[in-house]
Amino acid sequence: MTTGLLQKANDEQLRGILAHEIAHDDLGHVAKAQVLGTGLNLGVILLEQVIPGSSVITPIAGTLVARAYSRSEELEAAVVDSYQLILQPKIESRPCAN
């Protein structure tokens, strides 16, 4: 979520985006990405011990982690968020009490 998105998106769009991101978490995609990132970092450290100077591949590993969700995970989250939006009752937004 970025400030620009919050300023430009309407409530329905934000609801859809949040449902999609929550679906990633519900489906375990966040934990999987964290495990992948940790594994890649450990792999880079071990490879550097075996082949000094090999840590130059660290940017490549970083790119892999940054692209945490695969197409199949994106599709899976899209299907789940669609069901959440259809089946869940609409929540009315109200200002918070001061």
PDB file of N, CA and C in Angstrom:
ATOM      1  N   MET A   1       0.853  -1.174   0.000  1.00  0.00           N
ATOM      2  CA  MET A   1       0.000   0.000   0.000  1.00  0.00           C
ATOM      3  C   MET A   1       0.899   1.237   0.000  1.00  0.00           C
ATOM      4  N   THR A   2       0.605   2.145  -0.878  1.00  0.00           N
ATOM      5  CA  THR A   2       1.376   3.390  -0.927  1.00  0.00           C
ATOM      6  C   THR A   2       0.451   4.576  -0.662  1.00  0.00           C
ATOM      7  N   THR A   3       1.037   5.693  -0.319  1.00  0.00           N
ATOM      8  CA  THR A   3       0.260   6.902  -0.085  1.00  0.00           C
ATOM      9  C   THR A   3      -0.505   7.296  -1.345  1.00  0.00           C
ATOM     10  N   GLY A   4       0.158   7.174  -2.500  1.00  0.00           N
ATOM     11  CA  GLY A   4      -0.495   7.506  -3.761  1.00  0.00           C
ATOM     12  C   GLY A   4      -1.715   6.646  -4.018  1.00  0.00           C
ATOM     13  N   LEU A   5      -1.611   5.359  -3.731  1.00  0.00           N
ATOM     14  CA  LEU A   5      -2.746   4.457  -3.908  1.00  0.00           C
ATOM     15  C   LEU A   5      -3.885   4.841  -2.968  1.00  0.00           C
ATOM     16  N   LEU A   6      -3.553   5.140  -1.737  1.00  0.00           N
ATOM     17  CA  LEU A   6      -4.584   5.538  -0.773  1.00  0.00           C
ATOM     18  C   LEU A   6      -5.297   6.809  -1.208  1.00  0.00           C
ATOM     19  N   GLN A   7      -4.568   7.715  -1.841  1.00  0.00           N
ATOM     20  CA  GLN A   7      -5.160   8.976  -2.282  1.00  0.00           C
ATOM     21  C   GLN A   7      -6.017   8.817  -3.535  1.00  0.00           C
ATOM     22  N   LYS A   8      -5.650   7.876  -4.415  1.00  0.00           N
ATOM     23  CA  LYS A   8      -6.325   7.766  -5.704  1.00  0.00           C
ATOM     24  C   LYS A   8      -7.416   6.709  -5.762  1.00  0.00           C
ATOM     25  N   ALA A   9      -7.305   5.666  -4.960  1.00  0.00           N
ATOM     26  CA  ALA A   9      -8.271   4.564  -5.037  1.00  0.00           C
ATOM     27  C   ALA A   9      -9.528   4.904  -4.247  1.00  0.00           C
ATOM     28  N   ASN A  10     -10.658   4.422  -4.753  1.00  0.00           N
ATOM     29  CA  ASN A  10     -11.897   4.606  -3.997  1.00  0.00           C
ATOM     30  C   ASN A  10     -12.040   3.470  -2.986  1.00  0.00           C
ATOM     31  N   ASP A  11     -13.068   3.538  -2.148  1.00  0.00           N
ATOM     32  CA  ASP A  11     -13.242   2.550  -1.084  1.00  0.00           C
ATOM     33  C   ASP A  11     -13.364   1.128  -1.617  1.00  0.00           C
ATOM     34  N   GLU A  12     -14.080   0.938  -2.714  1.00  0.00           N
ATOM     35  CA  GLU A  12     -14.253  -0.405  -3.281  1.00  0.00           C
ATOM     36  C   GLU A  12     -12.923  -0.958  -3.796  1.00  0.00           C
ATOM     37  N   GLN A  13     -12.131  -0.105  -4.422  1.00  0.00           N
ATOM     38  CA  GLN A  13     -10.830  -0.547  -4.919  1.00  0.00           C
ATOM     39  C   GLN A  13      -9.917  -0.923  -3.757  1.00  0.00           C
ATOM     40  N   LEU A  14      -9.904  -0.099  -2.724  1.00  0.00           N
ATOM     41  CA  LEU A  14      -9.080  -0.402  -1.549  1.00  0.00           C
ATOM     42  C   LEU A  14      -9.542  -1.692  -0.872  1.00  0.00           C
ATOM     43  N   ARG A  15     -10.837  -1.893  -0.816  1.00  0.00           N
ATOM     44  CA  ARG A  15     -11.389  -3.117  -0.228  1.00  0.00           C
ATOM     45  C   ARG A  15     -10.896  -4.340  -1.008  1.00  0.00           C
ATOM     46  N   GLY A  16     -10.891  -4.241  -2.327  1.00  0.00           N
ATOM     47  CA  GLY A  16     -10.411  -5.331  -3.166  1.00  0.00           C
ATOM     48  C   GLY A  16      -8.930  -5.602  -2.978  1.00  0.00           C
ATOM     49  N   ILE A  17      -8.132  -4.545  -2.909  1.00  0.00           N
ATOM     50  CA  ILE A  17      -6.690  -4.684  -2.720  1.00  0.00           C
ATOM     51  C   ILE A  17      -6.394  -5.320  -1.371  1.00  0.00           C
ATOM     52  N   LEU A  18      -7.068  -4.843  -0.330  1.00  0.00           N
ATOM     53  CA  LEU A  18      -6.844  -5.416   1.000  1.00  0.00           C
ATOM     54  C   LEU A  18      -7.281  -6.876   1.057  1.00  0.00           C
ATOM     55  N   ALA A  19      -8.388  -7.214   0.428  1.00  0.00           N
ATOM     56  CA  ALA A  19      -8.847  -8.609   0.401  1.00  0.00           C
ATOM     57  C   ALA A  19      -7.801  -9.492  -0.286  1.00  0.00           C
ATOM     58  N   HIS A  20      -7.209  -8.982  -1.356  1.00  0.00           N
ATOM     59  CA  HIS A  20      -6.196  -9.743  -2.085  1.00  0.00           C
ATOM     60  C   HIS A  20      -4.956  -9.963  -1.212  1.00  0.00           C
ATOM     61  N   GLU A  21      -4.497  -8.919  -0.547  1.00  0.00           N
ATOM     62  CA  GLU A  21      -3.311  -9.046   0.304  1.00  0.00           C
ATOM     63  C   GLU A  21      -3.575  -9.942   1.509  1.00  0.00           C
ATOM     64  N   ILE A  22      -4.767  -9.859   2.077  1.00  0.00           N
ATOM     65  CA  ILE A  22      -5.134 -10.736   3.190  1.00  0.00           C
ATOM     66  C   ILE A  22      -5.175 -12.186   2.720  1.00  0.00           C
ATOM     67  N   ALA A  23      -5.655 -12.406   1.495  1.00  0.00           N
ATOM     68  CA  ALA A  23      -5.690 -13.760   0.937  1.00  0.00           C
ATOM     69  C   ALA A  23      -4.277 -14.342   0.850  1.00  0.00           C
ATOM     70  N   HIS A  24      -3.294 -13.532   0.444  1.00  0.00           N
ATOM     71  CA  HIS A  24      -1.908 -14.013   0.416  1.00  0.00           C
ATOM     72  C   HIS A  24      -1.501 -14.517   1.794  1.00  0.00           C
ATOM     73  N   ASP A  25      -1.823 -13.760   2.832  1.00  0.00           N
ATOM     74  CA  ASP A  25      -1.458 -14.163   4.186  1.00  0.00           C
ATOM     75  C   ASP A  25      -2.234 -15.411   4.609  1.00  0.00           C
ATOM     76  N   ASP A  26      -3.539 -15.439   4.365  1.00  0.00           N
ATOM     77  CA  ASP A  26      -4.365 -16.593   4.731  1.00  0.00           C
ATOM     78  C   ASP A  26      -3.868 -17.878   4.069  1.00  0.00           C
ATOM     79  N   LEU A  27      -3.356 -17.763   2.849  1.00  0.00           N
ATOM     80  CA  LEU A  27      -2.898 -18.930   2.093  1.00  0.00           C
ATOM     81  C   LEU A  27      -1.448 -19.318   2.400  1.00  0.00           C
ATOM     82  N   GLY A  28      -0.807 -18.568   3.281  1.00  0.00           N
ATOM     83  CA  GLY A  28       0.562 -18.898   3.682  1.00  0.00           C
ATOM     84  C   GLY A  28       1.638 -18.406   2.726  1.00  0.00           C
ATOM     85  N   HIS A  29       1.278 -17.545   1.785  1.00  0.00           N
ATOM     86  CA  HIS A  29       2.247 -17.055   0.819  1.00  0.00           C
ATOM     87  C   HIS A  29       3.313 -16.175   1.488  1.00  0.00           C
ATOM     88  N   VAL A  30       2.919 -15.416   2.490  1.00  0.00           N
ATOM     89  CA  VAL A  30       3.865 -14.525   3.181  1.00  0.00           C
ATOM     90  C   VAL A  30       4.940 -15.355   3.878  1.00  0.00           C
ATOM     91  N   ALA A  31       4.512 -16.381   4.607  1.00  0.00           N
ATOM     92  CA  ALA A  31       5.468 -17.242   5.317  1.00  0.00           C
ATOM     93  C   ALA A  31       6.386 -17.954   4.332  1.00  0.00           C
ATOM     94  N   LYS A  32       5.831 -18.416   3.217  1.00  0.00           N
ATOM     95  CA  LYS A  32       6.630 -19.094   2.194  1.00  0.00           C
ATOM     96  C   LYS A  32       7.699 -18.159   1.641  1.00  0.00           C
ATOM     97  N   ALA A  33       7.339 -16.904   1.383  1.00  0.00           N
ATOM     98  CA  ALA A  33       8.297 -15.929   0.866  1.00  0.00           C
ATOM     99  C   ALA A  33       9.400 -15.656   1.890  1.00  0.00           C
ATOM    100  N   GLN A  34       9.032 -15.615   3.173  1.00  0.00           N
ATOM    101  CA  GLN A  34      10.034 -15.384   4.221  1.00  0.00           C
ATOM    102  C   GLN A  34      11.008 -16.560   4.309  1.00  0.00           C
ATOM    103  N   VAL A  35      10.490 -17.779   4.228  1.00  0.00           N
ATOM    104  CA  VAL A  35      11.348 -18.966   4.265  1.00  0.00           C
ATOM    105  C   VAL A  35      12.277 -18.978   3.048  1.00  0.00           C
ATOM    106  N   LEU A  36      11.733 -18.647   1.893  1.00  0.00           N
ATOM    107  CA  LEU A  36      12.541 -18.579   0.676  1.00  0.00           C
ATOM    108  C   LEU A  36      13.665 -17.560   0.824  1.00  0.00           C
ATOM    109  N   GLY A  37      13.332 -16.384   1.347  1.00  0.00           N
ATOM    110  CA  GLY A  37      14.333 -15.338   1.540  1.00  0.00           C
ATOM    111  C   GLY A  37      15.435 -15.768   2.489  1.00  0.00           C
ATOM    112  N   THR A  38      15.062 -16.407   3.583  1.00  0.00           N
ATOM    113  CA  THR A  38      16.046 -16.893   4.553  1.00  0.00           C
ATOM    114  C   THR A  38      16.929 -17.962   3.918  1.00  0.00           C
ATOM    115  N   GLY A  39      16.308 -18.877   3.182  1.00  0.00           N
ATOM    116  CA  GLY A  39      17.076 -19.929   2.511  1.00  0.00           C
ATOM    117  C   GLY A  39      18.062 -19.367   1.501  1.00  0.00           C
ATOM    118  N   LEU A  40      17.625 -18.381   0.732  1.00  0.00           N
ATOM    119  CA  LEU A  40      18.530 -17.764  -0.240  1.00  0.00           C
ATOM    120  C   LEU A  40      19.690 -17.059   0.448  1.00  0.00           C
ATOM    121  N   ASN A  41      19.403 -16.369   1.544  1.00  0.00           N
ATOM    122  CA  ASN A  41      20.477 -15.690   2.281  1.00  0.00           C
ATOM    123  C   ASN A  41      21.484 -16.693   2.830  1.00  0.00           C
ATOM    124  N   LEU A  42      20.994 -17.787   3.401  1.00  0.00           N
ATOM    125  CA  LEU A  42      21.892 -18.826   3.920  1.00  0.00           C
ATOM    126  C   LEU A  42      22.708 -19.440   2.784  1.00  0.00           C
ATOM    127  N   GLY A  43      22.051 -19.661   1.648  1.00  0.00           N
ATOM    128  CA  GLY A  43      22.762 -20.218   0.494  1.00  0.00           C
ATOM    129  C   GLY A  43      23.884 -19.316   0.032  1.00  0.00           C
ATOM    130  N   VAL A  44      23.635 -18.019  -0.006  1.00  0.00           N
ATOM    131  CA  VAL A  44      24.674 -17.058  -0.414  1.00  0.00           C
ATOM    132  C   VAL A  44      25.833 -17.082   0.574  1.00  0.00           C
ATOM    133  N   ILE A  45      25.531 -17.137   1.860  1.00  0.00           N
ATOM    134  CA  ILE A  45      26.587 -17.169   2.889  1.00  0.00           C
ATOM    135  C   ILE A  45      27.432 -18.435   2.751  1.00  0.00           C
ATOM    136  N   LEU A  46      26.762 -19.581   2.590  1.00  0.00           N
ATOM    137  CA  LEU A  46      27.497 -20.837   2.448  1.00  0.00           C
ATOM    138  C   LEU A  46      28.319 -20.864   1.164  1.00  0.00           C
ATOM    139  N   LEU A  47      27.755 -20.390   0.081  1.00  0.00           N
ATOM    140  CA  LEU A  47      28.475 -20.363  -1.186  1.00  0.00           C
ATOM    141  C   LEU A  47      29.703 -19.467  -1.091  1.00  0.00           C
ATOM    142  N   GLU A  48      29.585 -18.355  -0.386  1.00  0.00           N
ATOM    143  CA  GLU A  48      30.724 -17.446  -0.198  1.00  0.00           C
ATOM    144  C   GLU A  48      31.846 -18.149   0.572  1.00  0.00           C
ATOM    145  N   GLN A  49      31.508 -19.044   1.500  1.00  0.00           N
ATOM    146  CA  GLN A  49      32.516 -19.786   2.256  1.00  0.00           C
ATOM    147  C   GLN A  49      33.245 -20.792   1.357  1.00  0.00           C
ATOM    148  N   VAL A  50      32.509 -21.396   0.441  1.00  0.00           N
ATOM    149  CA  VAL A  50      33.086 -22.410  -0.445  1.00  0.00           C
ATOM    150  C   VAL A  50      33.814 -21.754  -1.623  1.00  0.00           C
ATOM    151  N   ILE A  51      33.191 -20.728  -2.194  1.00  0.00           N
ATOM    152  CA  ILE A  51      33.758 -20.035  -3.355  1.00  0.00           C
ATOM    153  C   ILE A  51      33.833 -18.541  -3.026  1.00  0.00           C
ATOM    154  N   PRO A  52      34.962 -18.102  -2.472  1.00  0.00           N
ATOM    155  CA  PRO A  52      35.093 -16.682  -2.130  1.00  0.00           C
ATOM    156  C   PRO A  52      34.829 -15.780  -3.337  1.00  0.00           C
ATOM    157  N   GLY A  53      34.085 -14.704  -3.090  1.00  0.00           N
ATOM    158  CA  GLY A  53      33.750 -13.769  -4.152  1.00  0.00           C
ATOM    159  C   GLY A  53      32.436 -14.086  -4.837  1.00  0.00           C
ATOM    160  N   SER A  54      31.850 -15.210  -4.470  1.00  0.00           N
ATOM    161  CA  SER A  54      30.598 -15.604  -5.120  1.00  0.00           C
ATOM    162  C   SER A  54      29.399 -14.803  -4.629  1.00  0.00           C
ATOM    163  N   SER A  55      29.613 -13.978  -3.613  1.00  0.00           N
ATOM    164  CA  SER A  55      28.494 -13.191  -3.090  1.00  0.00           C
ATOM    165  C   SER A  55      28.022 -12.139  -4.081  1.00  0.00           C
ATOM    166  N   VAL A  56      28.683 -12.050  -5.233  1.00  0.00           N
ATOM    167  CA  VAL A  56      28.220 -11.129  -6.267  1.00  0.00           C
ATOM    168  C   VAL A  56      26.850 -11.543  -6.792  1.00  0.00           C
ATOM    169  N   ILE A  57      26.433 -12.772  -6.489  1.00  0.00           N
ATOM    170  CA  ILE A  57      25.098 -13.208  -6.925  1.00  0.00           C
ATOM    171  C   ILE A  57      24.008 -12.726  -5.964  1.00  0.00           C
ATOM    172  N   THR A  58      24.399 -12.052  -4.895  1.00  0.00           N
ATOM    173  CA  THR A  58      23.428 -11.556  -3.928  1.00  0.00           C
ATOM    174  C   THR A  58      22.335 -10.700  -4.569  1.00  0.00           C
ATOM    175  N   PRO A  59      22.666  -9.791  -5.510  1.00  0.00           N
ATOM    176  CA  PRO A  59      21.584  -9.028  -6.155  1.00  0.00           C
ATOM    177  C   PRO A  59      20.577  -9.924  -6.875  1.00  0.00           C
ATOM    178  N   ILE A  60      21.043 -11.012  -7.449  1.00  0.00           N
ATOM    179  CA  ILE A  60      20.134 -11.941  -8.128  1.00  0.00           C
ATOM    180  C   ILE A  60      19.207 -12.583  -7.104  1.00  0.00           C
ATOM    181  N   ALA A  61      19.774 -13.005  -5.970  1.00  0.00           N
ATOM    182  CA  ALA A  61      18.963 -13.597  -4.910  1.00  0.00           C
ATOM    183  C   ALA A  61      17.946 -12.587  -4.394  1.00  0.00           C
ATOM    184  N   GLY A  62      18.376 -11.338  -4.268  1.00  0.00           N
ATOM    185  CA  GLY A  62      17.459 -10.288  -3.815  1.00  0.00           C
ATOM    186  C   GLY A  62      16.300 -10.100  -4.776  1.00  0.00           C
ATOM    187  N   THR A  63      16.583 -10.187  -6.065  1.00  0.00           N
ATOM    188  CA  THR A  63      15.527 -10.071  -7.072  1.00  0.00           C
ATOM    189  C   THR A  63      14.532 -11.209  -6.932  1.00  0.00           C
ATOM    190  N   LEU A  64      15.028 -12.398  -6.695  1.00  0.00           N
ATOM    191  CA  LEU A  64      14.134 -13.548  -6.521  1.00  0.00           C
ATOM    192  C   LEU A  64      13.220 -13.364  -5.315  1.00  0.00           C
ATOM    193  N   VAL A  65      13.772 -12.824  -4.239  1.00  0.00           N
ATOM    194  CA  VAL A  65      12.965 -12.601  -3.044  1.00  0.00           C
ATOM    195  C   VAL A  65      11.951 -11.492  -3.286  1.00  0.00           C
ATOM    196  N   ALA A  66      12.374 -10.431  -3.986  1.00  0.00           N
ATOM    197  CA  ALA A  66      11.470  -9.316  -4.259  1.00  0.00           C
ATOM    198  C   ALA A  66      10.285  -9.769  -5.101  1.00  0.00           C
ATOM    199  N   ARG A  67      10.488 -10.751  -5.928  1.00  0.00           N
ATOM    200  CA  ARG A  67       9.393 -11.315  -6.730  1.00  0.00           C
ATOM    201  C   ARG A  67       8.816 -12.498  -5.970  1.00  0.00           C
ATOM    202  N   ALA A  68       8.409 -12.233  -4.745  1.00  0.00           N
ATOM    203  CA  ALA A  68       8.037 -13.290  -3.804  1.00  0.00           C
ATOM    204  C   ALA A  68       6.879 -14.160  -4.267  1.00  0.00           C
ATOM    205  N   TYR A  69       5.909 -13.589  -4.934  1.00  0.00           N
ATOM    206  CA  TYR A  69       4.730 -14.359  -5.297  1.00  0.00           C
ATOM    207  C   TYR A  69       4.795 -14.802  -6.750  1.00  0.00           C
ATOM    208  N   SER A  70       4.584 -16.079  -6.971  1.00  0.00           N
ATOM    209  CA  SER A  70       4.562 -16.607  -8.325  1.00  0.00           C
ATOM    210  C   SER A  70       3.203 -16.323  -8.966  1.00  0.00           C
ATOM    211  N   ARG A  71       3.115 -16.581 -10.245  1.00  0.00           N
ATOM    212  CA  ARG A  71       1.838 -16.380 -10.943  1.00  0.00           C
ATOM    213  C   ARG A  71       0.747 -17.253 -10.340  1.00  0.00           C
ATOM    214  N   SER A  72       1.097 -18.493  -9.986  1.00  0.00           N
ATOM    215  CA  SER A  72       0.080 -19.382  -9.410  1.00  0.00           C
ATOM    216  C   SER A  72      -0.403 -18.866  -8.061  1.00  0.00           C
ATOM    217  N   GLU A  73       0.505 -18.290  -7.270  1.00  0.00           N
ATOM    218  CA  GLU A  73       0.095 -17.727  -5.980  1.00  0.00           C
ATOM    219  C   GLU A  73      -0.767 -16.487  -6.178  1.00  0.00           C
ATOM    220  N   GLU A  74      -0.447 -15.666  -7.165  1.00  0.00           N
ATOM    221  CA  GLU A  74      -1.263 -14.490  -7.452  1.00  0.00           C
ATOM    222  C   GLU A  74      -2.673 -14.907  -7.874  1.00  0.00           C
ATOM    223  N   LEU A  75      -2.754 -15.925  -8.731  1.00  0.00           N
ATOM    224  CA  LEU A  75      -4.057 -16.414  -9.175  1.00  0.00           C
ATOM    225  C   LEU A  75      -4.841 -16.997  -8.001  1.00  0.00           C
ATOM    226  N   GLU A  76      -4.157 -17.778  -7.165  1.00  0.00           N
ATOM    227  CA  GLU A  76      -4.807 -18.369  -5.990  1.00  0.00           C
ATOM    228  C   GLU A  76      -5.352 -17.276  -5.073  1.00  0.00           C
ATOM    229  N   ALA A  77      -4.565 -16.243  -4.827  1.00  0.00           N
ATOM    230  CA  ALA A  77      -5.014 -15.140  -3.972  1.00  0.00           C
ATOM    231  C   ALA A  77      -6.169 -14.387  -4.630  1.00  0.00           C
ATOM    232  N   ALA A  78      -6.128 -14.241  -5.947  1.00  0.00           N
ATOM    233  CA  ALA A  78      -7.209 -13.541  -6.650  1.00  0.00           C
ATOM    234  C   ALA A  78      -8.526 -14.306  -6.521  1.00  0.00           C
ATOM    235  N   VAL A  79      -8.470 -15.627  -6.615  1.00  0.00           N
ATOM    236  CA  VAL A  79      -9.682 -16.439  -6.476  1.00  0.00           C
ATOM    237  C   VAL A  79     -10.231 -16.315  -5.061  1.00  0.00           C
ATOM    238  N   VAL A  80      -9.354 -16.421  -4.065  1.00  0.00           N
ATOM    239  CA  VAL A  80      -9.791 -16.334  -2.666  1.00  0.00           C
ATOM    240  C   VAL A  80     -10.331 -14.946  -2.360  1.00  0.00           C
ATOM    241  N   ASP A  81      -9.652 -13.889  -2.825  1.00  0.00           N
ATOM    242  CA  ASP A  81     -10.143 -12.546  -2.510  1.00  0.00           C
ATOM    243  C   ASP A  81     -11.482 -12.297  -3.188  1.00  0.00           C
ATOM    244  N   SER A  82     -11.708 -12.873  -4.358  1.00  0.00           N
ATOM    245  CA  SER A  82     -13.006 -12.725  -5.019  1.00  0.00           C
ATOM    246  C   SER A  82     -14.110 -13.344  -4.172  1.00  0.00           C
ATOM    247  N   TYR A  83     -13.855 -14.533  -3.648  1.00  0.00           N
ATOM    248  CA  TYR A  83     -14.836 -15.186  -2.783  1.00  0.00           C
ATOM    249  C   TYR A  83     -15.072 -14.370  -1.512  1.00  0.00           C
ATOM    250  N   GLN A  84     -13.990 -13.836  -0.945  1.00  0.00           N
ATOM    251  CA  GLN A  84     -14.137 -13.030   0.271  1.00  0.00           C
ATOM    252  C   GLN A  84     -15.013 -11.811   0.000  1.00  0.00           C
ATOM    253  N   LEU A  85     -14.795 -11.154  -1.122  1.00  0.00           N
ATOM    254  CA  LEU A  85     -15.564  -9.952  -1.433  1.00  0.00           C
ATOM    255  C   LEU A  85     -17.032 -10.277  -1.711  1.00  0.00           C
ATOM    256  N   ILE A  86     -17.287 -11.431  -2.321  1.00  0.00           N
ATOM    257  CA  ILE A  86     -18.656 -11.813  -2.654  1.00  0.00           C
ATOM    258  C   ILE A  86     -19.407 -12.311  -1.425  1.00  0.00           C
ATOM    259  N   LEU A  87     -18.748 -13.130  -0.614  1.00  0.00           N
ATOM    260  CA  LEU A  87     -19.431 -13.802   0.495  1.00  0.00           C
ATOM    261  C   LEU A  87     -19.473 -12.995   1.782  1.00  0.00           C
ATOM    262  N   GLN A  88     -18.535 -12.090   1.974  1.00  0.00           N
ATOM    263  CA  GLN A  88     -18.482 -11.324   3.217  1.00  0.00           C
ATOM    264  C   GLN A  88     -19.421 -10.126   3.118  1.00  0.00           C
ATOM    265  N   PRO A  89     -20.137  -9.853   4.189  1.00  0.00           N
ATOM    266  CA  PRO A  89     -21.005  -8.676   4.158  1.00  0.00           C
ATOM    267  C   PRO A  89     -20.157  -7.403   4.088  1.00  0.00           C
ATOM    268  N   LYS A  90     -20.705  -6.412   3.442  1.00  0.00           N
ATOM    269  CA  LYS A  90     -19.992  -5.135   3.324  1.00  0.00           C
ATOM    270  C   LYS A  90     -19.933  -4.484   4.693  1.00  0.00           C
ATOM    271  N   ILE A  91     -18.774  -4.033   5.060  1.00  0.00           N
ATOM    272  CA  ILE A  91     -18.573  -3.375   6.351  1.00  0.00           C
ATOM    273  C   ILE A  91     -18.663  -1.875   6.135  1.00  0.00           C
ATOM    274  N   GLU A  92     -19.542  -1.248   6.870  1.00  0.00           N
ATOM    275  CA  GLU A  92     -19.692   0.198   6.765  1.00  0.00           C
ATOM    276  C   GLU A  92     -18.519   0.873   7.461  1.00  0.00           C
ATOM    277  N   SER A  93     -17.945   1.866   6.819  1.00  0.00           N
ATOM    278  CA  SER A  93     -16.862   2.610   7.457  1.00  0.00           C
ATOM    279  C   SER A  93     -17.464   3.816   8.174  1.00  0.00           C
ATOM    280  N   ARG A  94     -17.007   4.008   9.381  1.00  0.00           N
ATOM    281  CA  ARG A  94     -17.457   5.133  10.184  1.00  0.00           C
ATOM    282  C   ARG A  94     -16.262   5.829  10.779  1.00  0.00           C
ATOM    283  N   PRO A  95     -16.350   7.124  10.994  1.00  0.00           N
ATOM    284  CA  PRO A  95     -15.227   7.812  11.640  1.00  0.00           C
ATOM    285  C   PRO A  95     -15.028   7.307  13.053  1.00  0.00           C
ATOM    286  N   CYS A  96     -13.787   7.301  13.481  1.00  0.00           N
ATOM    287  CA  CYS A  96     -13.479   6.894  14.853  1.00  0.00           C
ATOM    288  C   CYS A  96     -13.869   7.986  15.826  1.00  0.00           C
ATOM    289  N   ALA A  97     -14.284   7.584  17.012  1.00  0.00           N
ATOM    290  CA  ALA A  97     -14.621   8.550  18.051  1.00  0.00           C
ATOM    291  C   ALA A  97     -13.352   9.224  18.562  1.00  0.00           C
ATOM    292  N   ASN A  98     -13.461  10.487  18.899  1.00  0.00           N
ATOM    293  CA  ASN A  98     -12.294  11.211  19.419  1.00  0.00           C
ATOM    294  C   ASN A  98     -12.167  11.030  20.903  1.00  0.00           C
TER     295      ASN A  98
END
